PDB file of N, CA and C in Angstrom:
ATOM      1  N   MET A   1      15.625  13.273  39.901  1.00  0.00           N
ATOM      2  CA  MET A   1      14.385  12.811  39.320  1.00  0.00           C
ATOM      3  C   MET A   1      13.324  13.897  39.491  1.00  0.00           C
ATOM      4  N   GLN A   2      12.639  14.220  38.422  1.00  0.00           N
ATOM      5  CA  GLN A   2      11.596  15.245  38.447  1.00  0.00           C
ATOM      6  C   GLN A   2      10.306  14.659  39.003  1.00  0.00           C
ATOM      7  N   PRO A   3       9.567  15.444  39.825  1.00  0.00           N
ATOM      8  CA  PRO A   3       8.263  14.956  40.287  1.00  0.00           C
ATOM      9  C   PRO A   3       7.271  14.904  39.127  1.00  0.00           C
ATOM     10  N   ALA A   4       6.306  14.007  39.228  1.00  0.00           N
ATOM     11  CA  ALA A   4       5.277  13.899  38.191  1.00  0.00           C
ATOM     12  C   ALA A   4       4.456  15.175  38.157  1.00  0.00           C
ATOM     13  N   PRO A   5       3.998  15.590  36.977  1.00  0.00           N
ATOM     14  CA  PRO A   5       3.179  16.799  36.909  1.00  0.00           C
ATOM     15  C   PRO A   5       1.843  16.590  37.612  1.00  0.00           C
ATOM     16  N   GLU A   6       1.287  17.686  38.079  1.00  0.00           N
ATOM     17  CA  GLU A   6      -0.023  17.631  38.726  1.00  0.00           C
ATOM     18  C   GLU A   6      -1.079  17.271  37.689  1.00  0.00           C
ATOM     19  N   ILE A   7      -2.016  16.419  38.070  1.00  0.00           N
ATOM     20  CA  ILE A   7      -3.103  16.029  37.180  1.00  0.00           C
ATOM     21  C   ILE A   7      -4.403  16.608  37.723  1.00  0.00           C
ATOM     22  N   VAL A   8      -5.128  17.313  36.862  1.00  0.00           N
ATOM     23  CA  VAL A   8      -6.399  17.929  37.227  1.00  0.00           C
ATOM     24  C   VAL A   8      -7.483  17.316  36.352  1.00  0.00           C
ATOM     25  N   ARG A   9      -8.466  16.659  36.981  1.00  0.00           N
ATOM     26  CA  ARG A   9      -9.603  16.114  36.229  1.00  0.00           C
ATOM     27  C   ARG A   9     -10.621  17.221  36.037  1.00  0.00           C
ATOM     28  N   THR A  10     -11.218  17.276  34.858  1.00  0.00           N
ATOM     29  CA  THR A  10     -12.192  18.316  34.541  1.00  0.00           C
ATOM     30  C   THR A  10     -13.316  17.737  33.700  1.00  0.00           C
ATOM     31  N   THR A  11     -14.473  18.387  33.747  1.00  0.00           N
ATOM     32  CA  THR A  11     -15.605  17.955  32.928  1.00  0.00           C
ATOM     33  C   THR A  11     -15.753  18.818  31.686  1.00  0.00           C
ATOM     34  N   SER A  12     -14.880  19.800  31.532  1.00  0.00           N
ATOM     35  CA  SER A  12     -14.944  20.713  30.391  1.00  0.00           C
ATOM     36  C   SER A  12     -13.765  20.469  29.458  1.00  0.00           C
ATOM     37  N   SER A  13     -13.997  20.545  28.155  1.00  0.00           N
ATOM     38  CA  SER A  13     -12.897  20.352  27.208  1.00  0.00           C
ATOM     39  C   SER A  13     -12.087  21.631  26.997  1.00  0.00           C
ATOM     40  N   ARG A  14     -12.519  22.729  27.586  1.00  0.00           N
ATOM     41  CA  ARG A  14     -11.761  23.987  27.534  1.00  0.00           C
ATOM     42  C   ARG A  14     -11.517  24.430  28.968  1.00  0.00           C
ATOM     43  N   VAL A  15     -10.246  24.568  29.327  1.00  0.00           N
ATOM     44  CA  VAL A  15      -9.876  24.930  30.692  1.00  0.00           C
ATOM     45  C   VAL A  15      -8.936  26.127  30.678  1.00  0.00           C
ATOM     46  N   ALA A  16      -8.865  26.823  31.812  1.00  0.00           N
ATOM     47  CA  ALA A  16      -7.937  27.935  31.981  1.00  0.00           C
ATOM     48  C   ALA A  16      -6.929  27.547  33.052  1.00  0.00           C
ATOM     49  N   CYS A  17      -5.678  27.933  32.856  1.00  0.00           N
ATOM     50  CA  CYS A  17      -4.639  27.648  33.841  1.00  0.00           C
ATOM     51  C   CYS A  17      -3.817  28.920  34.063  1.00  0.00           C
ATOM     52  N   ASP A  18      -3.617  29.260  35.344  1.00  0.00           N
ATOM     53  CA  ASP A  18      -2.726  30.375  35.673  1.00  0.00           C
ATOM     54  C   ASP A  18      -1.617  29.943  36.623  1.00  0.00           C
ATOM     55  N   GLY A  19      -1.557  28.659  36.909  1.00  0.00           N
ATOM     56  CA  GLY A  19      -0.500  28.110  37.738  1.00  0.00           C
ATOM     57  C   GLY A  19      -0.632  28.370  39.213  1.00  0.00           C
ATOM     58  N   ALA A  20      -1.632  29.147  39.631  1.00  0.00           N
ATOM     59  CA  ALA A  20      -1.741  29.485  41.046  1.00  0.00           C
ATOM     60  C   ALA A  20      -3.176  29.580  41.526  1.00  0.00           C
ATOM     61  N   SER A  21      -4.136  29.087  40.759  1.00  0.00           N
ATOM     62  CA  SER A  21      -5.541  29.233  41.144  1.00  0.00           C
ATOM     63  C   SER A  21      -5.868  28.509  42.443  1.00  0.00           C
ATOM     64  N   ASP A  22      -5.076  27.513  42.805  1.00  0.00           N
ATOM     65  CA  ASP A  22      -5.336  26.769  44.038  1.00  0.00           C
ATOM     66  C   ASP A  22      -4.543  27.296  45.232  1.00  0.00           C
ATOM     67  N   ILE A  23      -3.784  28.377  45.035  1.00  0.00           N
ATOM     68  CA  ILE A  23      -3.005  28.979  46.112  1.00  0.00           C
ATOM     69  C   ILE A  23      -3.721  30.250  46.566  1.00  0.00           C
ATOM     70  N   PRO A  24      -4.178  30.328  47.826  1.00  0.00           N
ATOM     71  CA  PRO A  24      -4.872  31.543  48.285  1.00  0.00           C
ATOM     72  C   PRO A  24      -3.989  32.777  48.105  1.00  0.00           C
ATOM     73  N   GLY A  25      -4.500  33.759  47.373  1.00  0.00           N
ATOM     74  CA  GLY A  25      -3.743  34.989  47.120  1.00  0.00           C
ATOM     75  C   GLY A  25      -2.497  34.758  46.293  1.00  0.00           C
ATOM     76  N   GLY A  26      -2.462  33.666  45.537  1.00  0.00           N
ATOM     77  CA  GLY A  26      -1.244  33.280  44.838  1.00  0.00           C
ATOM     78  C   GLY A  26      -1.128  33.747  43.411  1.00  0.00           C
ATOM     79  N   ALA A  27      -1.962  34.678  42.971  1.00  0.00           N
ATOM     80  CA  ALA A  27      -1.915  35.112  41.570  1.00  0.00           C
ATOM     81  C   ALA A  27      -0.526  35.601  41.168  1.00  0.00           C
ATOM     82  N   ALA A  28       0.180  36.247  42.072  1.00  0.00           N
ATOM     83  CA  ALA A  28       1.518  36.751  41.760  1.00  0.00           C
ATOM     84  C   ALA A  28       2.535  35.612  41.655  1.00  0.00           C
ATOM     85  N   LEU A  29       2.185  34.431  42.141  1.00  0.00           N
ATOM     86  CA  LEU A  29       3.115  33.304  42.121  1.00  0.00           C
ATOM     87  C   LEU A  29       2.964  32.431  40.887  1.00  0.00           C
ATOM     88  N   GLY A  30       1.938  32.664  40.103  1.00  0.00           N
ATOM     89  CA  GLY A  30       1.649  31.800  38.969  1.00  0.00           C
ATOM     90  C   GLY A  30       2.282  32.265  37.673  1.00  0.00           C
ATOM     91  N   HIS A  31       1.566  32.048  36.582  1.00  0.00           N
ATOM     92  CA  HIS A  31       2.003  32.443  35.242  1.00  0.00           C
ATOM     93  C   HIS A  31       0.826  33.102  34.541  1.00  0.00           C
ATOM     94  N   PRO A  32       1.041  33.686  33.376  1.00  0.00           N
ATOM     95  CA  PRO A  32      -0.092  34.284  32.647  1.00  0.00           C
ATOM     96  C   PRO A  32      -1.186  33.250  32.408  1.00  0.00           C
ATOM     97  N   ARG A  33      -2.436  33.666  32.508  1.00  0.00           N
ATOM     98  CA  ARG A  33      -3.553  32.742  32.294  1.00  0.00           C
ATOM     99  C   ARG A  33      -3.592  32.334  30.828  1.00  0.00           C
ATOM    100  N   VAL A  34      -3.676  31.033  30.622  1.00  0.00           N
ATOM    101  CA  VAL A  34      -3.801  30.488  29.275  1.00  0.00           C
ATOM    102  C   VAL A  34      -5.032  29.600  29.221  1.00  0.00           C
ATOM    103  N   PHE A  35      -5.646  29.539  28.053  1.00  0.00           N
ATOM    104  CA  PHE A  35      -6.794  28.674  27.840  1.00  0.00           C
ATOM    105  C   PHE A  35      -6.331  27.488  27.013  1.00  0.00           C
ATOM    106  N   ILE A  36      -6.729  26.304  27.444  1.00  0.00           N
ATOM    107  CA  ILE A  36      -6.230  25.063  26.865  1.00  0.00           C
ATOM    108  C   ILE A  36      -7.416  24.226  26.395  1.00  0.00           C
ATOM    109  N   GLU A  37      -7.326  23.693  25.180  1.00  0.00           N
ATOM    110  CA  GLU A  37      -8.355  22.811  24.628  1.00  0.00           C
ATOM    111  C   GLU A  37      -7.899  21.366  24.760  1.00  0.00           C
ATOM    112  N   ILE A  38      -8.761  20.533  25.329  1.00  0.00           N
ATOM    113  CA  ILE A  38      -8.478  19.106  25.425  1.00  0.00           C
ATOM    114  C   ILE A  38      -8.987  18.455  24.146  1.00  0.00           C
ATOM    115  N   ASP A  39      -8.107  17.718  23.465  1.00  0.00           N
ATOM    116  CA  ASP A  39      -8.488  17.132  22.176  1.00  0.00           C
ATOM    117  C   ASP A  39      -8.904  15.669  22.322  1.00  0.00           C
ATOM    118  N   GLU A  40      -8.908  14.929  21.219  1.00  0.00           N
ATOM    119  CA  GLU A  40      -9.398  13.555  21.213  1.00  0.00           C
ATOM    120  C   GLU A  40      -8.568  12.604  22.062  1.00  0.00           C
ATOM    121  N   LYS A  41      -7.350  13.002  22.450  1.00  0.00           N
ATOM    122  CA  LYS A  41      -6.536  12.166  23.345  1.00  0.00           C
ATOM    123  C   LYS A  41      -7.118  12.141  24.753  1.00  0.00           C
ATOM    124  N   GLY A  42      -7.922  13.158  25.090  1.00  0.00           N
ATOM    125  CA  GLY A  42      -8.555  13.207  26.400  1.00  0.00           C
ATOM    126  C   GLY A  42      -7.750  13.954  27.450  1.00  0.00           C
ATOM    127  N   TYR A  43      -6.632  14.568  27.041  1.00  0.00           N
ATOM    128  CA  TYR A  43      -5.847  15.352  27.988  1.00  0.00           C
ATOM    129  C   TYR A  43      -5.082  16.445  27.247  1.00  0.00           C
ATOM    130  N   ALA A  44      -4.625  17.429  28.008  1.00  0.00           N
ATOM    131  CA  ALA A  44      -3.773  18.488  27.472  1.00  0.00           C
ATOM    132  C   ALA A  44      -2.899  18.990  28.601  1.00  0.00           C
ATOM    133  N   ASP A  45      -1.681  19.418  28.274  1.00  0.00           N
ATOM    134  CA  ASP A  45      -0.731  19.908  29.259  1.00  0.00           C
ATOM    135  C   ASP A  45      -0.554  21.409  29.134  1.00  0.00           C
ATOM    136  N   CYS A  46      -0.399  22.074  30.277  1.00  0.00           N
ATOM    137  CA  CYS A  46      -0.111  23.502  30.285  1.00  0.00           C
ATOM    138  C   CYS A  46       1.347  23.693  29.876  1.00  0.00           C
ATOM    139  N   GLY A  47       1.589  24.588  28.957  1.00  0.00           N
ATOM    140  CA  GLY A  47       2.940  24.859  28.485  1.00  0.00           C
ATOM    141  C   GLY A  47       3.808  25.593  29.486  1.00  0.00           C
ATOM    142  N   TYR A  48       3.196  26.205  30.483  1.00  0.00           N
ATOM    143  CA  TYR A  48       3.960  26.926  31.500  1.00  0.00           C
ATOM    144  C   TYR A  48       4.326  26.042  32.691  1.00  0.00           C
ATOM    145  N   CYS A  49       3.327  25.413  33.300  1.00  0.00           N
ATOM    146  CA  CYS A  49       3.568  24.711  34.570  1.00  0.00           C
ATOM    147  C   CYS A  49       3.479  23.194  34.457  1.00  0.00           C
ATOM    148  N   ASP A  50       3.209  22.671  33.276  1.00  0.00           N
ATOM    149  CA  ASP A  50       3.127  21.233  33.018  1.00  0.00           C
ATOM    150  C   ASP A  50       1.959  20.533  33.698  1.00  0.00           C
ATOM    151  N   ARG A  51       0.992  21.294  34.252  1.00  0.00           N
ATOM    152  CA  ARG A  51      -0.204  20.631  34.774  1.00  0.00           C
ATOM    153  C   ARG A  51      -0.869  19.886  33.645  1.00  0.00           C
ATOM    154  N   ARG A  52      -1.362  18.695  33.933  1.00  0.00           N
ATOM    155  CA  ARG A  52      -2.076  17.914  32.935  1.00  0.00           C
ATOM    156  C   ARG A  52      -3.559  17.963  33.268  1.00  0.00           C
ATOM    157  N   PHE A  53      -4.351  18.395  32.311  1.00  0.00           N
ATOM    158  CA  PHE A  53      -5.800  18.446  32.453  1.00  0.00           C
ATOM    159  C   PHE A  53      -6.377  17.244  31.721  1.00  0.00           C
ATOM    160  N   VAL A  54      -7.113  16.413  32.464  1.00  0.00           N
ATOM    161  CA  VAL A  54      -7.677  15.177  31.924  1.00  0.00           C
ATOM    162  C   VAL A  54      -9.194  15.304  31.912  1.00  0.00           C
ATOM    163  N   LEU A  55      -9.801  15.011  30.773  1.00  0.00           N
ATOM    164  CA  LEU A  55     -11.246  15.070  30.636  1.00  0.00           C
ATOM    165  C   LEU A  55     -11.866  13.868  31.341  1.00  0.00           C
ATOM    166  N   ALA A  56     -12.709  14.136  32.337  1.00  0.00           N
ATOM    167  CA  ALA A  56     -13.358  13.068  33.111  1.00  0.00           C
ATOM    168  C   ALA A  56     -14.173  12.187  32.181  1.00  0.00           C
ATOM    169  N   GLY A  57     -13.955  10.889  32.255  1.00  0.00           N
ATOM    170  CA  GLY A  57     -14.659   9.938  31.398  1.00  0.00           C
ATOM    171  C   GLY A  57     -14.059   9.783  30.026  1.00  0.00           C
ATOM    172  N   GLY A  58     -13.024  10.543  29.705  1.00  0.00           N
ATOM    173  CA  GLY A  58     -12.379  10.480  28.401  1.00  0.00           C
ATOM    174  C   GLY A  58     -11.365   9.358  28.319  1.00  0.00           C
ATOM    175  N   PRO A  59     -10.713   9.211  27.170  1.00  0.00           N
ATOM    176  CA  PRO A  59      -9.781   8.094  26.960  1.00  0.00           C
ATOM    177  C   PRO A  59      -8.553   8.121  27.865  1.00  0.00           C
ATOM    178  N   ALA A  60      -8.180   9.262  28.406  1.00  0.00           N
ATOM    179  CA  ALA A  60      -6.996   9.353  29.281  1.00  0.00           C
ATOM    180  C   ALA A  60      -7.355   9.309  30.761  1.00  0.00           C
ATOM    181  N   ASP A  61      -8.641   9.213  31.083  1.00  0.00           N
ATOM    182  CA  ASP A  61      -9.078   9.223  32.478  1.00  0.00           C
ATOM    183  C   ASP A  61      -8.910   7.831  33.070  1.00  0.00           C
ATOM    184  N   GLU A  62      -7.870   7.669  33.891  1.00  0.00           N
ATOM    185  CA  GLU A  62      -7.561   6.361  34.471  1.00  0.00           C
ATOM    186  C   GLU A  62      -8.552   5.955  35.559  1.00  0.00           C
ATOM    187  N   THR A  63      -9.324   6.903  36.091  1.00  0.00           N
ATOM    188  CA  THR A  63     -10.270   6.566  37.139  1.00  0.00           C
ATOM    189  C   THR A  63     -11.609   6.114  36.568  1.00  0.00           C
ATOM    190  N   ALA A  64     -11.830   6.315  35.273  1.00  0.00           N
ATOM    191  CA  ALA A  64     -13.096   5.912  34.643  1.00  0.00           C
ATOM    192  C   ALA A  64     -13.055   4.423  34.297  1.00  0.00           C
ATOM    193  N   ALA A  65     -14.168   3.773  34.460  1.00  0.00           N
ATOM    194  CA  ALA A  65     -14.276   2.363  34.089  1.00  0.00           C
ATOM    195  C   ALA A  65     -14.634   2.294  32.606  1.00  0.00           C
ATOM    196  N   HIS A  66     -13.702   1.850  31.783  1.00  0.00           N
ATOM    197  CA  HIS A  66     -13.946   1.805  30.328  1.00  0.00           C
ATOM    198  C   HIS A  66     -14.543   0.500  29.949  1.00  0.00           C
TER     199      HIS A  66
END
């Protein structure tokens, strides 16, 4: 069974992902930096590491009270 992808909440509809920004000195452990646009679904997935970026307060934000 595969672990669930990491979910990152953000307030910006344009995000950058390099797969290692949260690892101290981990740039060599990540992937090429890509810029991702969150669309009307309220989320977008990184094509390299499968991180899911969720727009805070958007339709996919499960922590927001709709």
